């Protein structure tokens, strides 16, 4: 059968036979018009949204996936290696985190020597945050063991007013879920956390695990 032959529809020669796919912008694989009013790019929009979601929350998805599969075999992992996919995602998030950047700037302002180091608690869910912090908030949340070391290296270049700093992050925590309440966290966040995290972990579907990471990168300020 020829896809351009409309004889089988009984409308050969009619106006309708000139453009059978006008209702979907001539792209029936990508658009649908269920109500005969507005073509909807269902496939395209769905794929774009899915890709954006996965790329934005890749670290959260990876750490959750490990809790469902890998943690049953090894519940104490070091994700610092260059080949570790979870570690690479976390390194990217840490380098671009507003929380980490603000802490680095604070340490630089307090530096009296070449190196300043401090270990303290960090909460990626508080204060100002970008999308990298959102992913860290969902995957790490609160971490009590966050050691940040800032070392001054010198000027970025002879014509630049910025200085180069070597940043070393040592971060570790227990991956688990605590029970949220509507009063404290809101209905939607509480429902998602408890349904996908807290109760599955209590039922043994998810396994908690300890993780740690060490990462170094350059910062200019």
N, C-alpha and C. Protein backbone atom coordinates (compact mmCIF):
# COMPACT_ATOMS: atom_id res chain seq x y z
N UNK A 1 0.84 -1.20 0.00
CA UNK A 1 0.00 0.00 0.00
C UNK A 1 0.87 1.25 0.00
N UNK A 2 0.54 2.21 -0.81
CA UNK A 2 1.27 3.47 -0.90
C UNK A 2 0.72 4.44 0.15
N UNK A 3 1.61 4.95 1.00
CA UNK A 3 1.17 5.85 2.06
C UNK A 3 0.56 7.14 1.54
N UNK A 4 0.90 7.51 0.29
CA UNK A 4 0.37 8.75 -0.28
C UNK A 4 -0.91 8.53 -1.08
N UNK A 5 -1.32 7.27 -1.22
CA UNK A 5 -2.53 6.95 -1.98
C UNK A 5 -3.73 6.99 -1.04
N UNK A 6 -4.66 7.90 -1.31
CA UNK A 6 -5.82 8.05 -0.42
C UNK A 6 -7.07 7.38 -0.98
N UNK A 7 -6.90 6.62 -2.05
CA UNK A 7 -8.05 5.98 -2.69
C UNK A 7 -8.79 5.07 -1.72
N UNK A 8 -8.01 4.40 -0.85
CA UNK A 8 -8.65 3.45 0.07
C UNK A 8 -9.53 4.15 1.10
N UNK A 9 -9.35 5.46 1.27
CA UNK A 9 -10.18 6.21 2.19
C UNK A 9 -11.47 6.70 1.55
N UNK A 10 -11.52 6.60 0.24
CA UNK A 10 -12.72 7.06 -0.47
C UNK A 10 -12.82 8.57 -0.56
N UNK A 11 -11.69 9.28 -0.45
CA UNK A 11 -11.73 10.75 -0.50
C UNK A 11 -10.81 11.29 -1.60
N UNK A 12 -10.47 10.45 -2.57
CA UNK A 12 -9.60 10.88 -3.66
C UNK A 12 -10.19 12.10 -4.36
N UNK A 13 -9.39 13.13 -4.57
CA UNK A 13 -9.83 14.33 -5.23
C UNK A 13 -10.45 15.36 -4.32
N UNK A 14 -10.76 14.98 -3.07
CA UNK A 14 -11.35 15.92 -2.12
C UNK A 14 -10.25 16.78 -1.49
N UNK A 15 -10.65 17.90 -0.90
CA UNK A 15 -9.69 18.80 -0.27
C UNK A 15 -8.92 18.09 0.83
N UNK A 16 -9.60 17.25 1.57
CA UNK A 16 -8.97 16.55 2.67
C UNK A 16 -7.81 15.67 2.22
N UNK A 17 -7.87 15.21 0.98
CA UNK A 17 -6.83 14.32 0.49
C UNK A 17 -5.52 15.04 0.21
N UNK A 18 -5.51 16.37 0.19
CA UNK A 18 -4.30 17.13 -0.12
C UNK A 18 -3.29 17.11 1.03
N UNK A 19 -3.76 17.07 2.23
CA UNK A 19 -2.85 17.09 3.37
C UNK A 19 -3.48 16.34 4.54
N UNK A 20 -3.23 15.04 4.56
CA UNK A 20 -3.87 14.18 5.58
C UNK A 20 -3.30 14.42 6.98
N UNK A 21 -2.10 14.99 7.05
CA UNK A 21 -1.47 15.13 8.34
C UNK A 21 -1.40 16.58 8.82
N UNK A 22 -2.25 17.43 8.30
CA UNK A 22 -2.26 18.83 8.73
C UNK A 22 -2.62 18.94 10.20
N UNK A 23 -3.43 18.01 10.69
CA UNK A 23 -3.87 18.07 12.08
C UNK A 23 -2.71 17.89 13.06
N UNK A 24 -1.59 17.34 12.58
CA UNK A 24 -0.44 17.11 13.47
C UNK A 24 0.83 17.72 12.90
N UNK A 25 0.68 18.84 12.22
CA UNK A 25 1.82 19.58 11.68
C UNK A 25 2.69 18.72 10.75
N UNK A 26 2.05 17.79 10.04
CA UNK A 26 2.76 16.90 9.11
C UNK A 26 3.82 16.03 9.80
N UNK A 27 3.68 15.83 11.08
CA UNK A 27 4.63 14.99 11.82
C UNK A 27 3.87 14.05 12.74
N UNK A 28 3.20 13.05 12.19
CA UNK A 28 2.37 12.14 12.99
C UNK A 28 3.15 11.31 14.00
N UNK A 29 4.48 11.20 13.82
CA UNK A 29 5.28 10.42 14.78
C UNK A 29 5.57 11.20 16.05
N UNK A 30 5.46 12.53 15.96
CA UNK A 30 5.82 13.37 17.10
C UNK A 30 4.63 14.11 17.70
N UNK A 31 3.57 14.31 16.92
CA UNK A 31 2.43 15.08 17.41
C UNK A 31 1.15 14.25 17.37
N UNK A 32 0.23 14.58 18.27
CA UNK A 32 -1.08 13.94 18.31
C UNK A 32 -2.13 15.01 18.63
N UNK A 33 -3.33 14.80 18.14
CA UNK A 33 -4.41 15.75 18.42
C UNK A 33 -5.63 14.96 18.85
N UNK A 34 -5.67 14.67 20.15
CA UNK A 34 -6.72 13.80 20.67
C UNK A 34 -8.09 14.46 20.69
N UNK A 35 -8.13 15.78 20.75
CA UNK A 35 -9.39 16.49 20.88
C UNK A 35 -9.75 17.31 19.65
N UNK A 36 -8.92 17.24 18.61
CA UNK A 36 -9.22 17.94 17.37
C UNK A 36 -9.08 19.44 17.47
N UNK A 37 -8.26 19.91 18.40
CA UNK A 37 -8.11 21.35 18.59
C UNK A 37 -6.64 21.80 18.50
N UNK A 38 -5.79 21.20 19.34
CA UNK A 38 -4.39 21.62 19.41
C UNK A 38 -3.48 20.41 19.31
N UNK A 39 -2.63 20.36 18.28
CA UNK A 39 -1.66 19.27 18.19
C UNK A 39 -0.71 19.31 19.39
N UNK A 40 -0.43 18.17 19.95
CA UNK A 40 0.42 18.10 21.13
C UNK A 40 1.68 17.30 20.83
N UNK A 41 2.82 17.90 21.13
CA UNK A 41 4.10 17.24 20.87
C UNK A 41 4.43 16.31 22.02
N UNK A 42 3.65 15.26 22.16
CA UNK A 42 3.76 14.36 23.31
C UNK A 42 5.11 13.67 23.36
N UNK A 43 5.49 13.06 22.26
CA UNK A 43 6.73 12.30 22.27
C UNK A 43 7.92 13.20 22.52
N UNK A 44 7.97 14.31 21.80
CA UNK A 44 9.10 15.23 21.93
C UNK A 44 9.17 15.81 23.33
N UNK A 45 8.05 16.32 23.83
CA UNK A 45 8.03 16.94 25.15
C UNK A 45 8.38 15.92 26.23
N UNK A 46 7.84 14.72 26.12
CA UNK A 46 8.12 13.68 27.10
C UNK A 46 9.60 13.34 27.14
N UNK A 47 10.20 13.22 25.97
CA UNK A 47 11.62 12.88 25.90
C UNK A 47 12.48 14.01 26.44
N UNK A 48 12.13 15.23 26.11
CA UNK A 48 12.89 16.38 26.60
C UNK A 48 12.80 16.48 28.12
N UNK A 49 11.59 16.34 28.65
CA UNK A 49 11.39 16.42 30.10
C UNK A 49 12.14 15.30 30.82
N UNK A 50 12.07 14.09 30.25
CA UNK A 50 12.77 12.96 30.86
C UNK A 50 14.28 13.18 30.86
N UNK A 51 14.80 13.68 29.73
CA UNK A 51 16.24 13.94 29.62
C UNK A 51 16.68 15.01 30.61
N UNK A 52 15.88 16.08 30.74
CA UNK A 52 16.21 17.16 31.68
C UNK A 52 16.17 16.67 33.12
N UNK A 53 15.18 15.85 33.44
CA UNK A 53 15.05 15.32 34.80
C UNK A 53 16.24 14.44 35.15
N UNK A 54 16.58 13.53 34.23
CA UNK A 54 17.69 12.60 34.49
C UNK A 54 19.01 13.35 34.61
N UNK A 55 19.25 14.32 33.72
CA UNK A 55 20.52 15.07 33.77
C UNK A 55 20.60 15.96 35.02
N UNK A 56 19.47 16.51 35.44
CA UNK A 56 19.46 17.40 36.60
C UNK A 56 19.65 16.64 37.91
N UNK A 57 19.02 15.48 38.01
CA UNK A 57 19.07 14.70 39.25
C UNK A 57 19.80 13.38 39.07
N UNK A 58 20.83 13.38 38.24
CA UNK A 58 21.58 12.16 37.93
C UNK A 58 22.24 11.56 39.17
N UNK A 59 22.78 12.41 40.04
CA UNK A 59 23.44 11.92 41.26
C UNK A 59 22.43 11.25 42.19
N UNK A 60 21.29 11.88 42.38
CA UNK A 60 20.25 11.31 43.25
C UNK A 60 19.78 9.96 42.72
N UNK A 61 19.60 9.89 41.40
CA UNK A 61 19.15 8.64 40.78
C UNK A 61 20.20 7.55 40.94
N UNK A 62 21.47 7.90 40.73
CA UNK A 62 22.56 6.92 40.83
C UNK A 62 22.72 6.39 42.25
N UNK A 63 22.65 7.28 43.25
CA UNK A 63 22.81 6.85 44.63
C UNK A 63 21.60 6.04 45.11
N UNK A 64 20.43 6.39 44.60
CA UNK A 64 19.22 5.62 44.93
C UNK A 64 19.31 4.23 44.30
N UNK A 65 19.79 4.18 43.05
CA UNK A 65 19.93 2.89 42.36
C UNK A 65 20.91 1.99 43.10
N UNK A 66 21.99 2.57 43.62
CA UNK A 66 22.96 1.76 44.37
C UNK A 66 22.32 1.19 45.64
N UNK A 67 21.43 1.96 46.26
CA UNK A 67 20.75 1.48 47.47
C UNK A 67 19.83 0.30 47.17
N UNK A 68 19.33 0.24 45.93
CA UNK A 68 18.44 -0.87 45.57
C UNK A 68 19.21 -2.13 45.16
N UNK A 69 20.43 -1.96 44.63
CA UNK A 69 21.16 -3.11 44.09
C UNK A 69 22.51 -3.32 44.78
N UNK A 70 23.39 -2.31 44.66
CA UNK A 70 24.78 -2.49 45.09
C UNK A 70 24.99 -2.58 46.58
N UNK A 71 24.19 -1.87 47.37
CA UNK A 71 24.42 -1.80 48.82
C UNK A 71 24.27 -3.16 49.50
N UNK A 72 23.54 -4.07 48.87
CA UNK A 72 23.39 -5.41 49.43
C UNK A 72 24.68 -6.21 49.37
N UNK A 73 25.61 -5.81 48.48
CA UNK A 73 26.89 -6.49 48.33
C UNK A 73 28.03 -5.75 49.03
N UNK A 74 27.98 -4.42 49.01
CA UNK A 74 29.01 -3.60 49.63
C UNK A 74 28.36 -2.33 50.17
N UNK A 75 28.29 -2.24 51.50
CA UNK A 75 27.62 -1.08 52.10
C UNK A 75 28.60 -0.07 52.69
N UNK A 76 29.83 -0.12 52.20
CA UNK A 76 30.86 0.83 52.64
C UNK A 76 31.74 1.15 51.44
N UNK A 77 31.45 2.24 50.74
CA UNK A 77 32.10 2.48 49.46
C UNK A 77 32.87 3.80 49.43
N UNK A 78 33.96 3.78 48.67
CA UNK A 78 34.76 4.99 48.41
C UNK A 78 34.53 5.34 46.94
N UNK A 79 33.95 6.52 46.69
CA UNK A 79 33.60 6.90 45.32
C UNK A 79 34.56 7.94 44.76
N UNK A 80 35.78 7.98 45.31
CA UNK A 80 36.75 8.99 44.90
C UNK A 80 37.42 8.69 43.56
N UNK A 81 37.45 7.43 43.15
CA UNK A 81 38.19 7.04 41.95
C UNK A 81 37.66 7.72 40.70
N UNK A 82 38.54 7.95 39.73
CA UNK A 82 38.17 8.65 38.50
C UNK A 82 37.17 7.86 37.66
N UNK A 83 37.16 6.54 37.85
CA UNK A 83 36.29 5.69 37.04
C UNK A 83 34.92 5.46 37.68
N UNK A 84 34.73 5.94 38.91
CA UNK A 84 33.47 5.69 39.61
C UNK A 84 32.39 6.65 39.10
N UNK A 85 31.31 6.16 38.50
CA UNK A 85 30.28 7.05 37.93
C UNK A 85 29.57 7.90 38.98
N UNK A 86 29.31 7.33 40.16
CA UNK A 86 28.67 8.11 41.23
C UNK A 86 29.61 9.21 41.69
N UNK A 87 30.89 8.86 41.83
CA UNK A 87 31.88 9.84 42.26
C UNK A 87 32.04 10.98 41.28
N UNK A 88 32.04 10.68 39.99
CA UNK A 88 32.18 11.72 38.96
C UNK A 88 30.99 12.68 38.98
N UNK A 89 29.81 12.14 39.21
CA UNK A 89 28.63 13.00 39.31
C UNK A 89 28.71 13.90 40.53
N UNK A 90 29.15 13.32 41.65
CA UNK A 90 29.24 14.13 42.87
C UNK A 90 30.33 15.19 42.75
N UNK A 91 31.44 14.88 42.11
CA UNK A 91 32.51 15.86 41.91
C UNK A 91 31.99 17.06 41.12
N UNK A 92 31.22 16.78 40.08
CA UNK A 92 30.64 17.84 39.27
C UNK A 92 29.71 18.72 40.10
N UNK A 93 28.89 18.08 40.94
CA UNK A 93 27.95 18.83 41.77
C UNK A 93 28.69 19.68 42.82
N UNK A 94 29.72 19.12 43.42
CA UNK A 94 30.46 19.83 44.46
C UNK A 94 31.20 21.04 43.89
N UNK A 95 31.79 20.89 42.71
CA UNK A 95 32.52 21.99 42.08
C UNK A 95 31.60 23.15 41.72
N UNK A 96 30.33 22.86 41.47
CA UNK A 96 29.39 23.89 41.03
C UNK A 96 28.35 24.25 42.09
N UNK A 97 28.56 23.80 43.31
CA UNK A 97 27.61 24.04 44.39
C UNK A 97 27.74 25.45 44.96
N UNK A 98 26.62 26.12 45.13
CA UNK A 98 26.60 27.44 45.76
C UNK A 98 27.03 27.34 47.22
N UNK A 99 26.61 26.27 47.90
CA UNK A 99 26.97 26.09 49.30
C UNK A 99 28.48 25.95 49.45
N UNK A 100 29.08 25.14 48.61
CA UNK A 100 30.52 24.94 48.67
C UNK A 100 31.26 26.23 48.32
N UNK A 101 30.76 26.94 47.31
CA UNK A 101 31.41 28.18 46.89
C UNK A 101 31.37 29.22 48.01
N UNK A 102 30.23 29.35 48.67
CA UNK A 102 30.13 30.32 49.76
C UNK A 102 31.06 29.95 50.91
N UNK A 103 31.21 28.65 51.15
CA UNK A 103 32.11 28.21 52.22
C UNK A 103 33.56 28.49 51.84
N UNK A 104 33.91 28.28 50.58
CA UNK A 104 35.27 28.57 50.11
C UNK A 104 35.58 30.06 50.28
N UNK A 105 34.65 30.92 49.87
CA UNK A 105 34.86 32.36 49.99
C UNK A 105 35.02 32.78 51.46
N UNK A 106 34.24 32.14 52.32
CA UNK A 106 34.33 32.45 53.75
C UNK A 106 35.70 32.05 54.29
N UNK A 107 36.21 30.90 53.88
CA UNK A 107 37.52 30.45 54.34
C UNK A 107 38.63 31.35 53.82
N UNK A 108 38.49 31.81 52.56
CA UNK A 108 39.50 32.71 51.98
C UNK A 108 39.57 34.00 52.77
N UNK A 109 38.41 34.51 53.18
CA UNK A 109 38.38 35.75 53.95
C UNK A 109 39.02 35.60 55.32
N UNK A 110 39.02 34.36 55.85
CA UNK A 110 39.57 34.12 57.17
C UNK A 110 41.02 33.63 57.12
N UNK A 111 41.58 33.51 55.95
CA UNK A 111 42.94 32.98 55.82
C UNK A 111 43.98 33.97 56.34
N UNK A 112 44.83 33.50 57.23
CA UNK A 112 45.97 34.29 57.71
C UNK A 112 47.28 33.64 57.27
N UNK A 113 47.17 32.39 56.84
CA UNK A 113 48.32 31.66 56.31
C UNK A 113 47.99 31.18 54.90
N UNK A 114 48.90 30.41 54.34
CA UNK A 114 48.72 29.93 52.98
C UNK A 114 47.58 28.93 52.86
N UNK A 115 47.33 28.19 53.95
CA UNK A 115 46.30 27.14 53.93
C UNK A 115 45.32 27.33 55.09
N UNK A 116 44.05 27.12 54.78
CA UNK A 116 43.01 27.17 55.81
C UNK A 116 42.16 25.91 55.67
N UNK A 117 41.98 25.21 56.78
CA UNK A 117 41.23 23.95 56.74
C UNK A 117 40.27 23.88 57.92
N UNK A 118 39.08 23.36 57.64
CA UNK A 118 38.09 23.24 58.69
C UNK A 118 37.11 22.11 58.38
N UNK A 119 36.70 21.43 59.44
CA UNK A 119 35.73 20.34 59.30
C UNK A 119 34.45 20.74 60.02
N UNK A 120 33.34 20.72 59.30
CA UNK A 120 32.07 21.11 59.92
C UNK A 120 30.90 20.49 59.15
N UNK A 121 29.74 20.64 59.74
CA UNK A 121 28.50 20.11 59.16
C UNK A 121 28.09 20.93 57.94
N UNK A 122 27.44 20.28 56.97
CA UNK A 122 26.92 21.01 55.82
C UNK A 122 25.51 20.52 55.49
N UNK A 123 24.64 21.46 55.18
CA UNK A 123 23.25 21.15 54.83
C UNK A 123 22.97 21.74 53.45
N UNK A 124 22.87 20.89 52.45
CA UNK A 124 22.66 21.36 51.08
C UNK A 124 21.23 21.82 50.82
N UNK A 125 20.36 21.63 51.79
CA UNK A 125 18.97 22.04 51.60
C UNK A 125 18.65 23.41 52.14
N UNK A 126 19.61 24.03 52.81
CA UNK A 126 19.35 25.33 53.43
C UNK A 126 19.88 26.47 52.58
N UNK A 127 19.31 27.65 52.79
CA UNK A 127 19.81 28.85 52.13
C UNK A 127 19.65 28.85 50.62
N UNK A 128 20.46 29.69 49.97
CA UNK A 128 20.40 29.78 48.51
C UNK A 128 21.02 28.54 47.88
N UNK A 129 20.41 28.08 46.81
CA UNK A 129 20.94 26.90 46.15
C UNK A 129 20.59 26.92 44.67
N UNK A 130 21.45 26.30 43.88
CA UNK A 130 21.18 26.13 42.45
C UNK A 130 20.76 24.69 42.20
N UNK A 131 20.67 24.30 40.93
CA UNK A 131 20.20 22.95 40.60
C UNK A 131 21.20 21.88 41.04
N UNK A 132 22.49 22.22 41.07
CA UNK A 132 23.49 21.27 41.55
C UNK A 132 23.27 21.00 43.04
N UNK A 133 22.94 22.08 43.78
CA UNK A 133 22.65 21.92 45.20
C UNK A 133 21.37 21.12 45.42
N UNK A 134 20.41 21.28 44.53
CA UNK A 134 19.16 20.51 44.64
C UNK A 134 19.46 19.02 44.54
N UNK A 135 20.34 18.67 43.59
CA UNK A 135 20.72 17.26 43.43
C UNK A 135 21.48 16.77 44.66
N UNK A 136 22.36 17.61 45.20
CA UNK A 136 23.09 17.26 46.42
C UNK A 136 22.15 17.15 47.63
N UNK A 137 21.15 18.02 47.66
CA UNK A 137 20.18 17.97 48.75
C UNK A 137 19.40 16.66 48.74
N UNK A 138 18.99 16.22 47.55
CA UNK A 138 18.22 14.98 47.44
C UNK A 138 19.09 13.74 47.67
N UNK A 139 20.36 13.82 47.33
CA UNK A 139 21.23 12.64 47.44
C UNK A 139 22.01 12.60 48.75
N UNK A 140 22.47 13.76 49.21
CA UNK A 140 23.28 13.84 50.43
C UNK A 140 22.48 14.41 51.60
N UNK A 141 21.78 15.52 51.34
CA UNK A 141 21.00 16.15 52.39
C UNK A 141 21.90 16.85 53.39
N UNK A 142 21.97 16.31 54.61
CA UNK A 142 22.85 16.83 55.66
C UNK A 142 24.03 15.89 55.83
N UNK A 143 25.22 16.44 55.88
CA UNK A 143 26.42 15.64 56.11
C UNK A 143 27.21 16.25 57.25
N UNK A 144 27.50 15.45 58.27
CA UNK A 144 28.22 15.96 59.44
C UNK A 144 29.72 16.00 59.22
N UNK A 145 30.20 15.21 58.26
CA UNK A 145 31.64 15.14 58.02
C UNK A 145 32.00 15.79 56.69
N UNK A 146 32.24 17.08 56.72
CA UNK A 146 32.64 17.82 55.53
C UNK A 146 33.89 18.62 55.87
N UNK A 147 35.04 18.16 55.38
CA UNK A 147 36.30 18.85 55.62
C UNK A 147 36.71 19.56 54.34
N UNK A 148 36.92 20.86 54.44
CA UNK A 148 37.29 21.67 53.29
C UNK A 148 38.64 22.34 53.56
N UNK A 149 39.57 22.15 52.64
CA UNK A 149 40.90 22.75 52.77
C UNK A 149 41.15 23.66 51.59
N UNK A 150 41.49 24.91 51.88
CA UNK A 150 41.76 25.92 50.85
C UNK A 150 43.23 26.31 50.92
N UNK A 151 43.93 26.16 49.79
CA UNK A 151 45.35 26.51 49.71
C UNK A 151 45.57 27.55 48.63
N UNK A 152 46.19 28.66 49.01
CA UNK A 152 46.44 29.73 48.05
C UNK A 152 47.67 29.40 47.20
N UNK A 153 47.50 29.47 45.87
CA UNK A 153 48.58 29.10 44.96
C UNK A 153 49.27 30.31 44.33
N UNK A 154 48.59 31.41 44.20
CA UNK A 154 49.14 32.59 43.56
C UNK A 154 48.16 33.18 42.58
N UNK A 155 48.60 34.19 41.83
CA UNK A 155 47.72 34.82 40.86
C UNK A 155 47.39 33.88 39.71
N UNK A 156 46.16 34.01 39.20
CA UNK A 156 45.73 33.19 38.08
C UNK A 156 46.62 33.44 36.88
N UNK A 157 46.93 34.69 36.61
CA UNK A 157 47.85 35.07 35.55
C UNK A 157 48.34 36.48 35.84
N UNK A 158 49.41 36.94 35.16
CA UNK A 158 50.00 38.23 35.45
C UNK A 158 49.06 39.40 35.17
N UNK A 159 48.09 39.19 34.25
CA UNK A 159 47.16 40.27 33.91
C UNK A 159 45.81 40.14 34.61
N UNK A 160 45.69 39.16 35.49
CA UNK A 160 44.42 38.93 36.19
C UNK A 160 44.52 39.37 37.64
N UNK A 161 43.42 39.89 38.16
CA UNK A 161 43.39 40.29 39.58
C UNK A 161 42.96 39.13 40.48
N UNK A 162 42.54 38.02 39.86
CA UNK A 162 42.07 36.87 40.63
C UNK A 162 43.25 35.99 41.06
N UNK A 163 43.06 35.34 42.21
CA UNK A 163 44.05 34.40 42.71
C UNK A 163 43.55 32.96 42.51
N UNK A 164 44.50 32.06 42.36
CA UNK A 164 44.17 30.65 42.19
C UNK A 164 44.27 29.95 43.55
N UNK A 165 43.30 29.12 43.83
CA UNK A 165 43.28 28.35 45.07
C UNK A 165 43.06 26.87 44.75
N UNK A 166 43.74 26.04 45.49
CA UNK A 166 43.51 24.59 45.38
C UNK A 166 42.53 24.19 46.47
N UNK A 167 41.43 23.59 46.04
CA UNK A 167 40.37 23.18 46.99
C UNK A 167 40.38 21.67 47.15
N UNK A 168 40.38 21.25 48.38
CA UNK A 168 40.30 19.82 48.68
C UNK A 168 39.08 19.56 49.56
N UNK A 169 38.22 18.68 49.08
CA UNK A 169 37.00 18.34 49.83
C UNK A 169 37.06 16.89 50.26
N UNK A 170 36.78 16.67 51.53
CA UNK A 170 36.62 15.31 52.06
C UNK A 170 35.22 15.23 52.66
N UNK A 171 34.39 14.42 52.08
CA UNK A 171 32.99 14.35 52.47
C UNK A 171 32.57 12.90 52.66
N UNK A 172 31.87 12.63 53.72
CA UNK A 172 31.38 11.27 53.97
C UNK A 172 30.06 11.33 54.71
N UNK A 173 29.26 10.28 54.54
CA UNK A 173 27.95 10.27 55.18
C UNK A 173 27.34 8.88 55.05
N UNK A 174 26.24 8.69 55.73
CA UNK A 174 25.43 7.47 55.61
C UNK A 174 24.25 7.76 54.70
N UNK A 175 24.10 6.95 53.65
CA UNK A 175 22.96 7.13 52.76
C UNK A 175 21.77 6.38 53.35
N UNK A 176 20.79 7.12 53.81
CA UNK A 176 19.57 6.53 54.34
C UNK A 176 18.46 7.57 54.26
N UNK A 177 17.28 7.19 54.70
CA UNK A 177 16.13 8.09 54.66
C UNK A 177 15.52 8.21 56.05
N UNK A 178 15.29 9.44 56.47
CA UNK A 178 14.57 9.66 57.72
C UNK A 178 13.11 9.93 57.40
N UNK A 179 12.25 9.74 58.36
CA UNK A 179 10.82 9.96 58.14
C UNK A 179 10.50 11.44 58.17
N UNK A 180 9.85 11.92 57.09
CA UNK A 180 9.46 13.32 57.00
C UNK A 180 8.06 13.51 57.55
N UNK A 181 7.75 14.73 57.97
CA UNK A 181 6.40 15.06 58.45
C UNK A 181 5.84 16.19 57.60
N UNK A 182 4.53 16.20 57.44
CA UNK A 182 3.88 17.24 56.64
C UNK A 182 4.08 18.61 57.26
N UNK A 183 4.05 18.69 58.58
CA UNK A 183 4.21 19.96 59.27
C UNK A 183 5.56 20.60 58.99
N UNK A 184 6.59 19.79 58.89
CA UNK A 184 7.94 20.30 58.73
C UNK A 184 8.38 20.41 57.27
N UNK A 185 7.95 19.44 56.44
CA UNK A 185 8.47 19.36 55.07
C UNK A 185 7.44 19.60 53.98
N UNK A 186 6.16 19.68 54.35
CA UNK A 186 5.13 19.87 53.33
C UNK A 186 4.60 18.55 52.81
N UNK A 187 3.42 18.59 52.23
CA UNK A 187 2.73 17.37 51.80
C UNK A 187 3.46 16.63 50.68
N UNK A 188 3.85 17.34 49.62
CA UNK A 188 4.43 16.68 48.45
C UNK A 188 5.80 16.08 48.77
N UNK A 189 6.68 16.86 49.39
CA UNK A 189 8.02 16.36 49.74
C UNK A 189 7.93 15.20 50.71
N UNK A 190 7.02 15.30 51.68
CA UNK A 190 6.85 14.22 52.65
C UNK A 190 6.36 12.94 51.98
N UNK A 191 5.38 13.07 51.09
CA UNK A 191 4.84 11.90 50.39
C UNK A 191 5.90 11.21 49.55
N UNK A 192 6.70 11.99 48.81
CA UNK A 192 7.74 11.42 47.95
C UNK A 192 8.83 10.75 48.78
N UNK A 193 9.31 11.45 49.81
CA UNK A 193 10.39 10.91 50.64
C UNK A 193 9.97 9.63 51.36
N UNK A 194 8.80 9.65 51.97
CA UNK A 194 8.36 8.49 52.74
C UNK A 194 7.98 7.30 51.86
N UNK A 195 7.33 7.59 50.73
CA UNK A 195 6.88 6.50 49.85
C UNK A 195 8.03 5.86 49.08
N UNK A 196 8.99 6.68 48.63
CA UNK A 196 10.09 6.16 47.81
C UNK A 196 11.35 5.84 48.62
N UNK A 197 11.45 6.42 49.82
CA UNK A 197 12.68 6.23 50.58
C UNK A 197 12.51 5.59 51.95
N UNK A 198 11.79 6.27 52.84
CA UNK A 198 11.73 5.82 54.23
C UNK A 198 11.11 4.43 54.38
N UNK A 199 9.93 4.24 53.82
CA UNK A 199 9.26 2.94 53.98
C UNK A 199 9.94 1.81 53.22
N UNK A 200 10.38 2.01 51.96
CA UNK A 200 11.14 0.95 51.29
C UNK A 200 12.40 0.55 52.05
N UNK A 201 13.05 1.52 52.71
CA UNK A 201 14.25 1.18 53.48
C UNK A 201 13.88 0.40 54.74
N UNK A 202 12.78 0.76 55.36
CA UNK A 202 12.31 0.01 56.54
C UNK A 202 11.90 -1.42 56.17
N UNK A 203 11.37 -1.59 54.96
CA UNK A 203 10.93 -2.91 54.51
C UNK A 203 12.06 -3.74 53.91
N UNK A 204 13.25 -3.16 53.79
CA UNK A 204 14.39 -3.91 53.28
C UNK A 204 14.54 -3.86 51.77
N UNK A 205 13.70 -3.09 51.11
CA UNK A 205 13.81 -2.97 49.65
C UNK A 205 15.05 -2.14 49.30
N UNK A 206 15.29 -1.10 50.09
CA UNK A 206 16.49 -0.29 49.95
C UNK A 206 17.45 -0.60 51.10
N UNK A 207 18.74 -0.51 50.83
CA UNK A 207 19.75 -0.76 51.84
C UNK A 207 20.54 0.53 52.09
N UNK A 208 20.75 0.84 53.35
CA UNK A 208 21.58 2.00 53.67
C UNK A 208 23.05 1.63 53.45
N UNK A 209 23.87 2.64 53.19
CA UNK A 209 25.30 2.37 53.00
C UNK A 209 26.13 3.62 53.32
N UNK A 210 27.35 3.38 53.74
CA UNK A 210 28.29 4.46 54.03
C UNK A 210 29.09 4.78 52.77
N UNK A 211 29.29 6.04 52.51
CA UNK A 211 30.08 6.44 51.35
C UNK A 211 31.02 7.58 51.74
N UNK A 212 32.10 7.71 51.01
CA UNK A 212 33.05 8.81 51.24
C UNK A 212 33.68 9.20 49.91
N UNK A 213 34.13 10.45 49.86
CA UNK A 213 34.75 10.97 48.65
C UNK A 213 35.80 12.00 49.00
N UNK A 214 36.89 11.99 48.25
CA UNK A 214 37.92 13.02 48.32
C UNK A 214 38.09 13.61 46.93
N UNK A 215 38.11 14.92 46.86
CA UNK A 215 38.19 15.56 45.54
C UNK A 215 38.94 16.87 45.63
N UNK A 216 39.78 17.12 44.61
CA UNK A 216 40.54 18.36 44.53
C UNK A 216 40.24 19.07 43.22
N UNK A 217 40.14 20.40 43.28
CA UNK A 217 39.93 21.18 42.07
C UNK A 217 40.43 22.60 42.31
N UNK A 218 40.58 23.35 41.24
CA UNK A 218 41.05 24.74 41.31
C UNK A 218 39.88 25.71 41.37
N UNK A 219 40.08 26.76 42.12
CA UNK A 219 39.07 27.80 42.26
C UNK A 219 39.75 29.16 42.12
N UNK A 220 39.09 30.08 41.42
CA UNK A 220 39.68 31.39 41.19
C UNK A 220 38.79 32.47 41.81
N UNK A 221 39.41 33.32 42.60
CA UNK A 221 38.63 34.34 43.32
C UNK A 221 39.49 35.58 43.55
